[in-house]
Amino acid sequence: MTDSEENELQAALERIGTDVRHRRLLIKPFFQDKDKSNSGFVKNTRFRSIFDNQKLWITDREFYLINRRFQAGAANEINYVEFDFVLRKFSGDRE
C-alpha cells in the first residue's frame, strides 16, 4: 500500500473504531458466526454484509483499503482476526 492509502486506511479505522467504542459493539463474534471452518477468514462479501447489518457504514473506497490490507491467502477473503486486533487499538480496547 502507498503512504496515502495507509493514511486513508488509518483515518477509516479511527472513524470505525470511534463508532464501535461509542456503540459498545463487539464485532468479532459476528465474524466468528460466519466462519464455519474456524479459519479466521471470511469472504469479503460476508465481511461487508456484517458491517452493513451492524450499521457500520463504510465507503467503497474504505472497503477496498480494508480488503487490500487484511486480505487473506485467497483473493476474496479477509483475515477478520487481524482486522479485529488492529481495530481494537482504534476503539480504545487495549486488551
PDB file of N, CA and C in Angstrom:
ATOM      1  N   MET A   1       0.838  -1.179   0.000  1.00  0.00           N
ATOM      2  CA  MET A   1       0.000   0.000   0.000  1.00  0.00           C
ATOM      3  C   MET A   1       0.884   1.244   0.000  1.00  0.00           C
ATOM      4  N   THR A   2       0.419   2.278  -0.672  1.00  0.00           N
ATOM      5  CA  THR A   2       1.162   3.533  -0.704  1.00  0.00           C
ATOM      6  C   THR A   2       0.946   4.285   0.608  1.00  0.00           C
ATOM      7  N   ASP A   3       1.758   5.311   0.829  1.00  0.00           N
ATOM      8  CA  ASP A   3       1.620   6.111   2.047  1.00  0.00           C
ATOM      9  C   ASP A   3       0.251   6.779   2.127  1.00  0.00           C
ATOM     10  N   SER A   4      -0.245   7.267   1.001  1.00  0.00           N
ATOM     11  CA  SER A   4      -1.551   7.935   1.028  1.00  0.00           C
ATOM     12  C   SER A   4      -2.662   6.925   1.327  1.00  0.00           C
ATOM     13  N   GLU A   5      -2.534   5.703   0.800  1.00  0.00           N
ATOM     14  CA  GLU A   5      -3.522   4.665   1.107  1.00  0.00           C
ATOM     15  C   GLU A   5      -3.457   4.282   2.583  1.00  0.00           C
ATOM     16  N   GLU A   6      -2.249   4.191   3.128  1.00  0.00           N
ATOM     17  CA  GLU A   6      -2.089   3.898   4.561  1.00  0.00           C
ATOM     18  C   GLU A   6      -2.759   4.985   5.401  1.00  0.00           C
ATOM     19  N   ASN A   7      -2.584   6.248   5.004  1.00  0.00           N
ATOM     20  CA  ASN A   7      -3.200   7.361   5.736  1.00  0.00           C
ATOM     21  C   ASN A   7      -4.721   7.302   5.644  1.00  0.00           C
ATOM     22  N   GLU A   8      -5.235   6.989   4.457  1.00  0.00           N
ATOM     23  CA  GLU A   8      -6.688   6.850   4.285  1.00  0.00           C
ATOM     24  C   GLU A   8      -7.226   5.714   5.157  1.00  0.00           C
ATOM     25  N   LEU A   9      -6.503   4.592   5.163  1.00  0.00           N
ATOM     26  CA  LEU A   9      -6.930   3.442   5.968  1.00  0.00           C
ATOM     27  C   LEU A   9      -6.897   3.796   7.445  1.00  0.00           C
ATOM     28  N   GLN A  10      -5.857   4.481   7.871  1.00  0.00           N
ATOM     29  CA  GLN A  10      -5.742   4.909   9.272  1.00  0.00           C
ATOM     30  C   GLN A  10      -6.950   5.764   9.658  1.00  0.00           C
ATOM     31  N   ALA A  11      -7.312   6.713   8.818  1.00  0.00           N
ATOM     32  CA  ALA A  11      -8.460   7.582   9.103  1.00  0.00           C
ATOM     33  C   ALA A  11      -9.750   6.778   9.158  1.00  0.00           C
ATOM     34  N   ALA A  12      -9.902   5.820   8.256  1.00  0.00           N
ATOM     35  CA  ALA A  12     -11.104   4.981   8.251  1.00  0.00           C
ATOM     36  C   ALA A  12     -11.177   4.144   9.519  1.00  0.00           C
ATOM     37  N   LEU A  13     -10.056   3.549   9.924  1.00  0.00           N
ATOM     38  CA  LEU A  13     -10.042   2.727  11.134  1.00  0.00           C
ATOM     39  C   LEU A  13     -10.315   3.561  12.377  1.00  0.00           C
ATOM     40  N   GLU A  14      -9.822   4.792  12.400  1.00  0.00           N
ATOM     41  CA  GLU A  14     -10.109   5.690  13.529  1.00  0.00           C
ATOM     42  C   GLU A  14     -11.607   5.985  13.605  1.00  0.00           C
ATOM     43  N   ARG A  15     -12.213   6.265  12.457  1.00  0.00           N
ATOM     44  CA  ARG A  15     -13.653   6.558  12.427  1.00  0.00           C
ATOM     45  C   ARG A  15     -14.468   5.334  12.844  1.00  0.00           C
ATOM     46  N   ILE A  16     -14.137   4.185  12.287  1.00  0.00           N
ATOM     47  CA  ILE A  16     -14.856   2.950  12.616  1.00  0.00           C
ATOM     48  C   ILE A  16     -14.645   2.606  14.091  1.00  0.00           C
ATOM     49  N   GLY A  17     -13.407   2.730  14.558  1.00  0.00           N
ATOM     50  CA  GLY A  17     -13.099   2.426  15.959  1.00  0.00           C
ATOM     51  C   GLY A  17     -13.864   3.310  16.922  1.00  0.00           C
ATOM     52  N   THR A  18     -13.990   4.578  16.575  1.00  0.00           N
ATOM     53  CA  THR A  18     -14.758   5.503  17.419  1.00  0.00           C
ATOM     54  C   THR A  18     -16.223   5.091  17.464  1.00  0.00           C
ATOM     55  N   ASP A  19     -16.774   4.729  16.319  1.00  0.00           N
ATOM     56  CA  ASP A  19     -18.171   4.275  16.257  1.00  0.00           C
ATOM     57  C   ASP A  19     -18.360   2.998  17.074  1.00  0.00           C
ATOM     58  N   VAL A  20     -17.440   2.065  16.943  1.00  0.00           N
ATOM     59  CA  VAL A  20     -17.513   0.804  17.699  1.00  0.00           C
ATOM     60  C   VAL A  20     -17.463   1.091  19.206  1.00  0.00           C
ATOM     61  N   ARG A  21     -16.571   1.993  19.616  1.00  0.00           N
ATOM     62  CA  ARG A  21     -16.443   2.333  21.040  1.00  0.00           C
ATOM     63  C   ARG A  21     -17.710   3.009  21.561  1.00  0.00           C
ATOM     64  N   HIS A  22     -18.228   3.976  20.819  1.00  0.00           N
ATOM     65  CA  HIS A  22     -19.418   4.704  21.276  1.00  0.00           C
ATOM     66  C   HIS A  22     -20.640   3.799  21.362  1.00  0.00           C
ATOM     67  N   ARG A  23     -20.733   2.847  20.459  1.00  0.00           N
ATOM     68  CA  ARG A  23     -21.884   1.944  20.442  1.00  0.00           C
ATOM     69  C   ARG A  23     -21.636   0.662  21.244  1.00  0.00           C
ATOM     70  N   ARG A  24     -20.426   0.547  21.790  1.00  0.00           N
ATOM     71  CA  ARG A  24     -20.029  -0.612  22.603  1.00  0.00           C
ATOM     72  C   ARG A  24     -20.268  -1.932  21.876  1.00  0.00           C
ATOM     73  N   LEU A  25     -19.836  -1.972  20.642  1.00  0.00           N
ATOM     74  CA  LEU A  25     -20.015  -3.164  19.813  1.00  0.00           C
ATOM     75  C   LEU A  25     -18.842  -4.126  19.976  1.00  0.00           C
ATOM     76  N   LEU A  26     -19.153  -5.385  19.953  1.00  0.00           N
ATOM     77  CA  LEU A  26     -18.153  -6.437  19.808  1.00  0.00           C
ATOM     78  C   LEU A  26     -18.423  -7.056  18.443  1.00  0.00           C
ATOM     79  N   ILE A  27     -17.540  -6.821  17.489  1.00  0.00           N
ATOM     80  CA  ILE A  27     -17.828  -7.296  16.137  1.00  0.00           C
ATOM     81  C   ILE A  27     -17.220  -8.663  15.836  1.00  0.00           C
ATOM     82  N   LYS A  28     -16.199  -9.050  16.591  1.00  0.00           N
ATOM     83  CA  LYS A  28     -15.555 -10.335  16.305  1.00  0.00           C
ATOM     84  C   LYS A  28     -16.537 -11.509  16.364  1.00  0.00           C
ATOM     85  N   PRO A  29     -17.459 -11.560  17.329  1.00  0.00           N
ATOM     86  CA  PRO A  29     -18.411 -12.685  17.342  1.00  0.00           C
ATOM     87  C   PRO A  29     -19.265 -12.792  16.081  1.00  0.00           C
ATOM     88  N   PHE A  30     -19.554 -11.669  15.436  1.00  0.00           N
ATOM     89  CA  PHE A  30     -20.321 -11.711  14.186  1.00  0.00           C
ATOM     90  C   PHE A  30     -19.510 -12.366  13.078  1.00  0.00           C
ATOM     91  N   PHE A  31     -18.215 -12.059  13.045  1.00  0.00           N
ATOM     92  CA  PHE A  31     -17.340 -12.710  12.066  1.00  0.00           C
ATOM     93  C   PHE A  31     -17.218 -14.200  12.365  1.00  0.00           C
ATOM     94  N   GLN A  32     -17.020 -14.524  13.640  1.00  0.00           N
ATOM     95  CA  GLN A  32     -16.862 -15.929  14.029  1.00  0.00           C
ATOM     96  C   GLN A  32     -18.107 -16.742  13.680  1.00  0.00           C
ATOM     97  N   ASP A  33     -19.259 -16.129  13.800  1.00  0.00           N
ATOM     98  CA  ASP A  33     -20.502 -16.813  13.472  1.00  0.00           C
ATOM     99  C   ASP A  33     -20.553 -17.203  11.998  1.00  0.00           C
ATOM    100  N   LYS A  34     -19.965 -16.385  11.134  1.00  0.00           N
ATOM    101  CA  LYS A  34     -19.964 -16.665   9.692  1.00  0.00           C
ATOM    102  C   LYS A  34     -18.781 -17.534   9.266  1.00  0.00           C
ATOM    103  N   ASP A  35     -17.826 -17.748  10.166  1.00  0.00           N
ATOM    104  CA  ASP A  35     -16.624 -18.532   9.869  1.00  0.00           C
ATOM    105  C   ASP A  35     -16.846 -19.977  10.317  1.00  0.00           C
ATOM    106  N   LYS A  36     -17.556 -20.727   9.497  1.00  0.00           N
ATOM    107  CA  LYS A  36     -17.927 -22.109   9.858  1.00  0.00           C
ATOM    108  C   LYS A  36     -16.711 -23.026   9.998  1.00  0.00           C
ATOM    109  N   SER A  37     -15.634 -22.754   9.256  1.00  0.00           N
ATOM    110  CA  SER A  37     -14.451 -23.609   9.325  1.00  0.00           C
ATOM    111  C   SER A  37     -13.483 -23.176  10.428  1.00  0.00           C
ATOM    112  N   ASN A  38     -13.820 -22.092  11.128  1.00  0.00           N
ATOM    113  CA  ASN A  38     -12.996 -21.586  12.224  1.00  0.00           C
ATOM    114  C   ASN A  38     -11.566 -21.290  11.766  1.00  0.00           C
ATOM    115  N   SER A  39     -11.444 -20.694  10.586  1.00  0.00           N
ATOM    116  CA  SER A  39     -10.141 -20.430   9.981  1.00  0.00           C
ATOM    117  C   SER A  39      -9.602 -19.037  10.292  1.00  0.00           C
ATOM    118  N   GLY A  40     -10.471 -18.137  10.738  1.00  0.00           N
ATOM    119  CA  GLY A  40     -10.064 -16.753  10.962  1.00  0.00           C
ATOM    120  C   GLY A  40     -10.283 -15.873   9.743  1.00  0.00           C
ATOM    121  N   PHE A  41     -10.908 -16.450   8.708  1.00  0.00           N
ATOM    122  CA  PHE A  41     -11.155 -15.725   7.470  1.00  0.00           C
ATOM    123  C   PHE A  41     -12.641 -15.782   7.123  1.00  0.00           C
ATOM    124  N   VAL A  42     -13.132 -14.707   6.522  1.00  0.00           N
ATOM    125  CA  VAL A  42     -14.483 -14.699   5.954  1.00  0.00           C
ATOM    126  C   VAL A  42     -14.398 -14.117   4.547  1.00  0.00           C
ATOM    127  N   LYS A  43     -15.337 -14.505   3.724  1.00  0.00           N
ATOM    128  CA  LYS A  43     -15.410 -13.945   2.367  1.00  0.00           C
ATOM    129  C   LYS A  43     -15.627 -12.441   2.481  1.00  0.00           C
ATOM    130  N   ASN A  44     -15.055 -11.709   1.543  1.00  0.00           N
ATOM    131  CA  ASN A  44     -15.178 -10.258   1.630  1.00  0.00           C
ATOM    132  C   ASN A  44     -16.624  -9.785   1.522  1.00  0.00           C
ATOM    133  N   THR A  45     -17.477 -10.525   0.824  1.00  0.00           N
ATOM    134  CA  THR A  45     -18.890 -10.148   0.754  1.00  0.00           C
ATOM    135  C   THR A  45     -19.567 -10.328   2.113  1.00  0.00           C
ATOM    136  N   ARG A  46     -19.198 -11.378   2.837  1.00  0.00           N
ATOM    137  CA  ARG A  46     -19.738 -11.576   4.193  1.00  0.00           C
ATOM    138  C   ARG A  46     -19.248 -10.484   5.131  1.00  0.00           C
ATOM    139  N   PHE A  47     -17.979 -10.130   4.989  1.00  0.00           N
ATOM    140  CA  PHE A  47     -17.390  -9.069   5.799  1.00  0.00           C
ATOM    141  C   PHE A  47     -18.193  -7.787   5.633  1.00  0.00           C
ATOM    142  N   ARG A  48     -18.455  -7.441   4.390  1.00  0.00           N
ATOM    143  CA  ARG A  48     -19.212  -6.213   4.104  1.00  0.00           C
ATOM    144  C   ARG A  48     -20.638  -6.314   4.643  1.00  0.00           C
ATOM    145  N   SER A  49     -21.269  -7.483   4.515  1.00  0.00           N
ATOM    146  CA  SER A  49     -22.647  -7.626   4.985  1.00  0.00           C
ATOM    147  C   SER A  49     -22.722  -7.514   6.513  1.00  0.00           C
ATOM    148  N   ILE A  50     -21.700  -7.979   7.212  1.00  0.00           N
ATOM    149  CA  ILE A  50     -21.675  -7.835   8.671  1.00  0.00           C
ATOM    150  C   ILE A  50     -21.615  -6.352   9.030  1.00  0.00           C
ATOM    151  N   PHE A  51     -20.784  -5.606   8.319  1.00  0.00           N
ATOM    152  CA  PHE A  51     -20.716  -4.161   8.560  1.00  0.00           C
ATOM    153  C   PHE A  51     -22.067  -3.508   8.300  1.00  0.00           C
ATOM    154  N   ASP A  52     -22.697  -3.874   7.195  1.00  0.00           N
ATOM    155  CA  ASP A  52     -23.996  -3.288   6.855  1.00  0.00           C
ATOM    156  C   ASP A  52     -25.048  -3.649   7.902  1.00  0.00           C
ATOM    157  N   ASN A  53     -25.062  -4.906   8.336  1.00  0.00           N
ATOM    158  CA  ASN A  53     -26.047  -5.349   9.333  1.00  0.00           C
ATOM    159  C   ASN A  53     -25.874  -4.635  10.669  1.00  0.00           C
ATOM    160  N   GLN A  54     -24.636  -4.304  11.014  1.00  0.00           N
ATOM    161  CA  GLN A  54     -24.367  -3.601  12.272  1.00  0.00           C
ATOM    162  C   GLN A  54     -24.411  -2.079  12.114  1.00  0.00           C
ATOM    163  N   LYS A  55     -24.770  -1.651  10.914  1.00  0.00           N
ATOM    164  CA  LYS A  55     -24.848  -0.223  10.599  1.00  0.00           C
ATOM    165  C   LYS A  55     -23.514   0.484  10.822  1.00  0.00           C
ATOM    166  N   LEU A  56     -22.441  -0.232  10.485  1.00  0.00           N
ATOM    167  CA  LEU A  56     -21.106   0.346  10.459  1.00  0.00           C
ATOM    168  C   LEU A  56     -20.836   0.721   9.007  1.00  0.00           C
ATOM    169  N   TRP A  57     -21.281   1.901   8.634  1.00  0.00           N
ATOM    170  CA  TRP A  57     -21.219   2.301   7.238  1.00  0.00           C
ATOM    171  C   TRP A  57     -19.795   2.608   6.830  1.00  0.00           C
ATOM    172  N   ILE A  58     -19.357   1.970   5.740  1.00  0.00           N
ATOM    173  CA  ILE A  58     -18.059   2.261   5.158  1.00  0.00           C
ATOM    174  C   ILE A  58     -18.259   2.516   3.668  1.00  0.00           C
ATOM    175  N   THR A  59     -17.409   3.359   3.148  1.00  0.00           N
ATOM    176  CA  THR A  59     -17.489   3.675   1.721  1.00  0.00           C
ATOM    177  C   THR A  59     -16.860   2.539   0.916  1.00  0.00           C
ATOM    178  N   ASP A  60     -17.101   2.563  -0.372  1.00  0.00           N
ATOM    179  CA  ASP A  60     -16.466   1.577  -1.246  1.00  0.00           C
ATOM    180  C   ASP A  60     -14.947   1.700  -1.186  1.00  0.00           C
ATOM    181  N   ARG A  61     -14.462   2.922  -1.098  1.00  0.00           N
ATOM    182  CA  ARG A  61     -13.012   3.143  -1.006  1.00  0.00           C
ATOM    183  C   ARG A  61     -12.452   2.570   0.292  1.00  0.00           C
ATOM    184  N   GLU A  62     -13.141   2.789   1.402  1.00  0.00           N
ATOM    185  CA  GLU A  62     -12.689   2.229   2.682  1.00  0.00           C
ATOM    186  C   GLU A  62     -12.701   0.704   2.641  1.00  0.00           C
ATOM    187  N   PHE A  63     -13.740   0.136   2.051  1.00  0.00           N
ATOM    188  CA  PHE A  63     -13.816  -1.316   1.926  1.00  0.00           C
ATOM    189  C   PHE A  63     -12.656  -1.837   1.073  1.00  0.00           C
ATOM    190  N   TYR A  64     -12.359  -1.136  -0.002  1.00  0.00           N
ATOM    191  CA  TYR A  64     -11.240  -1.514  -0.858  1.00  0.00           C
ATOM    192  C   TYR A  64      -9.925  -1.517  -0.068  1.00  0.00           C
ATOM    193  N   LEU A  65      -9.698  -0.480   0.733  1.00  0.00           N
ATOM    194  CA  LEU A  65      -8.470  -0.380   1.513  1.00  0.00           C
ATOM    195  C   LEU A  65      -8.395  -1.456   2.593  1.00  0.00           C
ATOM    196  N   ILE A  66      -9.515  -1.708   3.262  1.00  0.00           N
ATOM    197  CA  ILE A  66      -9.555  -2.777   4.272  1.00  0.00           C
ATOM    198  C   ILE A  66      -9.279  -4.122   3.607  1.00  0.00           C
ATOM    199  N   ASN A  67      -9.896  -4.323   2.471  1.00  0.00           N
ATOM    200  CA  ASN A  67      -9.713  -5.565   1.729  1.00  0.00           C
ATOM    201  C   ASN A  67      -8.241  -5.750   1.345  1.00  0.00           C
ATOM    202  N   ARG A  68      -7.612  -4.687   0.870  1.00  0.00           N
ATOM    203  CA  ARG A  68      -6.191  -4.775   0.491  1.00  0.00           C
ATOM    204  C   ARG A  68      -5.309  -5.068   1.686  1.00  0.00           C
ATOM    205  N   ARG A  69      -5.562  -4.392   2.782  1.00  0.00           N
ATOM    206  CA  ARG A  69      -4.696  -4.518   3.968  1.00  0.00           C
ATOM    207  C   ARG A  69      -4.870  -5.857   4.677  1.00  0.00           C
ATOM    208  N   PHE A  70      -6.102  -6.349   4.759  1.00  0.00           N
ATOM    209  CA  PHE A  70      -6.378  -7.548   5.554  1.00  0.00           C
ATOM    210  C   PHE A  70      -6.723  -8.759   4.687  1.00  0.00           C
ATOM    211  N   GLN A  71      -6.365  -8.710   3.435  1.00  0.00           N
ATOM    212  CA  GLN A  71      -6.656  -9.825   2.529  1.00  0.00           C
ATOM    213  C   GLN A  71      -5.934 -11.082   3.007  1.00  0.00           C
ATOM    214  N   ALA A  72      -6.683 -12.177   3.014  1.00  0.00           N
ATOM    215  CA  ALA A  72      -6.124 -13.465   3.414  1.00  0.00           C
ATOM    216  C   ALA A  72      -5.475 -14.118   2.201  1.00  0.00           C
ATOM    217  N   GLY A  73      -5.086 -15.366   2.322  1.00  0.00           N
ATOM    218  CA  GLY A  73      -4.444 -16.085   1.228  1.00  0.00           C
ATOM    219  C   GLY A  73      -5.263 -16.077  -0.044  1.00  0.00           C
ATOM    220  N   ALA A  74      -6.552 -16.311   0.091  1.00  0.00           N
ATOM    221  CA  ALA A  74      -7.439 -16.276  -1.073  1.00  0.00           C
ATOM    222  C   ALA A  74      -7.798 -14.816  -1.369  1.00  0.00           C
ATOM    223  N   ALA A  75      -7.932 -14.507  -2.630  1.00  0.00           N
ATOM    224  CA  ALA A  75      -8.175 -13.125  -3.039  1.00  0.00           C
ATOM    225  C   ALA A  75      -9.512 -12.585  -2.554  1.00  0.00           C
ATOM    226  N   ASN A  76     -10.443 -13.442  -2.238  1.00  0.00           N
ATOM    227  CA  ASN A  76     -11.769 -12.965  -1.847  1.00  0.00           C
ATOM    228  C   ASN A  76     -12.060 -13.185  -0.367  1.00  0.00           C
ATOM    229  N   GLU A  77     -11.020 -13.298   0.455  1.00  0.00           N
ATOM    230  CA  GLU A  77     -11.213 -13.482   1.889  1.00  0.00           C
ATOM    231  C   GLU A  77     -10.463 -12.413   2.674  1.00  0.00           C
ATOM    232  N   ILE A  78     -11.020 -12.093   3.845  1.00  0.00           N
ATOM    233  CA  ILE A  78     -10.427 -11.100   4.738  1.00  0.00           C
ATOM    234  C   ILE A  78     -10.095 -11.789   6.060  1.00  0.00           C
ATOM    235  N   ASN A  79      -8.914 -11.494   6.571  1.00  0.00           N
ATOM    236  CA  ASN A  79      -8.474 -12.010   7.859  1.00  0.00           C
ATOM    237  C   ASN A  79      -9.130 -11.153   8.952  1.00  0.00           C
ATOM    238  N   TYR A  80     -10.272 -11.609   9.448  1.00  0.00           N
ATOM    239  CA  TYR A  80     -11.008 -10.803  10.423  1.00  0.00           C
ATOM    240  C   TYR A  80     -10.340 -10.805  11.788  1.00  0.00           C
ATOM    241  N   VAL A  81      -9.540 -11.813  12.102  1.00  0.00           N
ATOM    242  CA  VAL A  81      -8.837 -11.856  13.395  1.00  0.00           C
ATOM    243  C   VAL A  81      -7.832 -10.704  13.467  1.00  0.00           C
ATOM    244  N   GLU A  82      -7.058 -10.543  12.406  1.00  0.00           N
ATOM    245  CA  GLU A  82      -6.099  -9.433  12.363  1.00  0.00           C
ATOM    246  C   GLU A  82      -6.823  -8.095  12.315  1.00  0.00           C
ATOM    247  N   PHE A  83      -7.896  -8.021  11.534  1.00  0.00           N
ATOM    248  CA  PHE A  83      -8.673  -6.789  11.460  1.00  0.00           C
ATOM    249  C   PHE A  83      -9.183  -6.400  12.848  1.00  0.00           C
ATOM    250  N   ASP A  84      -9.752  -7.345  13.575  1.00  0.00           N
ATOM    251  CA  ASP A  84     -10.273  -7.070  14.908  1.00  0.00           C
ATOM    252  C   ASP A  84      -9.150  -6.624  15.846  1.00  0.00           C
ATOM    253  N   PHE A  85      -7.992  -7.274  15.757  1.00  0.00           N
ATOM    254  CA  PHE A  85      -6.847  -6.919  16.597  1.00  0.00           C
ATOM    255  C   PHE A  85      -6.428  -5.471  16.352  1.00  0.00           C
ATOM    256  N   VAL A  86      -6.326  -5.088  15.087  1.00  0.00           N
ATOM    257  CA  VAL A  86      -5.925  -3.721  14.738  1.00  0.00           C
ATOM    258  C   VAL A  86      -7.016  -2.730  15.136  1.00  0.00           C
ATOM    259  N   LEU A  87      -8.277  -3.079  14.890  1.00  0.00           N
ATOM    260  CA  LEU A  87      -9.374  -2.153  15.203  1.00  0.00           C
ATOM    261  C   LEU A  87      -9.465  -1.886  16.702  1.00  0.00           C
ATOM    262  N   ARG A  88      -9.112  -2.852  17.522  1.00  0.00           N
ATOM    263  CA  ARG A  88      -9.155  -2.653  18.985  1.00  0.00           C
ATOM    264  C   ARG A  88      -8.282  -1.493  19.422  1.00  0.00           C
ATOM    265  N   LYS A  89      -7.184  -1.266  18.712  1.00  0.00           N
ATOM    266  CA  LYS A  89      -6.306  -0.134  19.049  1.00  0.00           C
ATOM    267  C   LYS A  89      -7.013   1.202  18.812  1.00  0.00           C
ATOM    268  N   PHE A  90      -7.914   1.215  17.838  1.00  0.00           N
ATOM    269  CA  PHE A  90      -8.637   2.437  17.490  1.00  0.00           C
ATOM    270  C   PHE A  90      -9.936   2.591  18.276  1.00  0.00           C
ATOM    271  N   SER A  91     -10.435   1.499  18.827  1.00  0.00           N
ATOM    272  CA  SER A  91     -11.715   1.574  19.552  1.00  0.00           C
ATOM    273  C   SER A  91     -11.489   1.745  21.050  1.00  0.00           C
ATOM    274  N   GLY A  92     -10.230   1.829  21.462  1.00  0.00           N
ATOM    275  CA  GLY A  92      -9.938   2.067  22.875  1.00  0.00           C
ATOM    276  C   GLY A  92      -9.809   0.804  23.697  1.00  0.00           C
ATOM    277  N   ASP A  93      -9.980  -0.366  23.088  1.00  0.00           N
ATOM    278  CA  ASP A  93      -9.849  -1.630  23.802  1.00  0.00           C
ATOM    279  C   ASP A  93      -8.396  -2.076  23.683  1.00  0.00           C
ATOM    280  N   ARG A  94      -7.653  -1.974  24.751  1.00  0.00           N
ATOM    281  CA  ARG A  94      -6.212  -2.244  24.713  1.00  0.00           C
ATOM    282  C   ARG A  94      -5.859  -3.692  25.020  1.00  0.00           C
ATOM    283  N   GLU A  95      -6.863  -4.545  25.206  1.00  0.00           N
ATOM    284  CA  GLU A  95      -6.581  -5.943  25.561  1.00  0.00           C
ATOM    285  C   GLU A  95      -5.973  -6.686  24.421  1.00  0.00           C
TER     286      GLU A  95
END
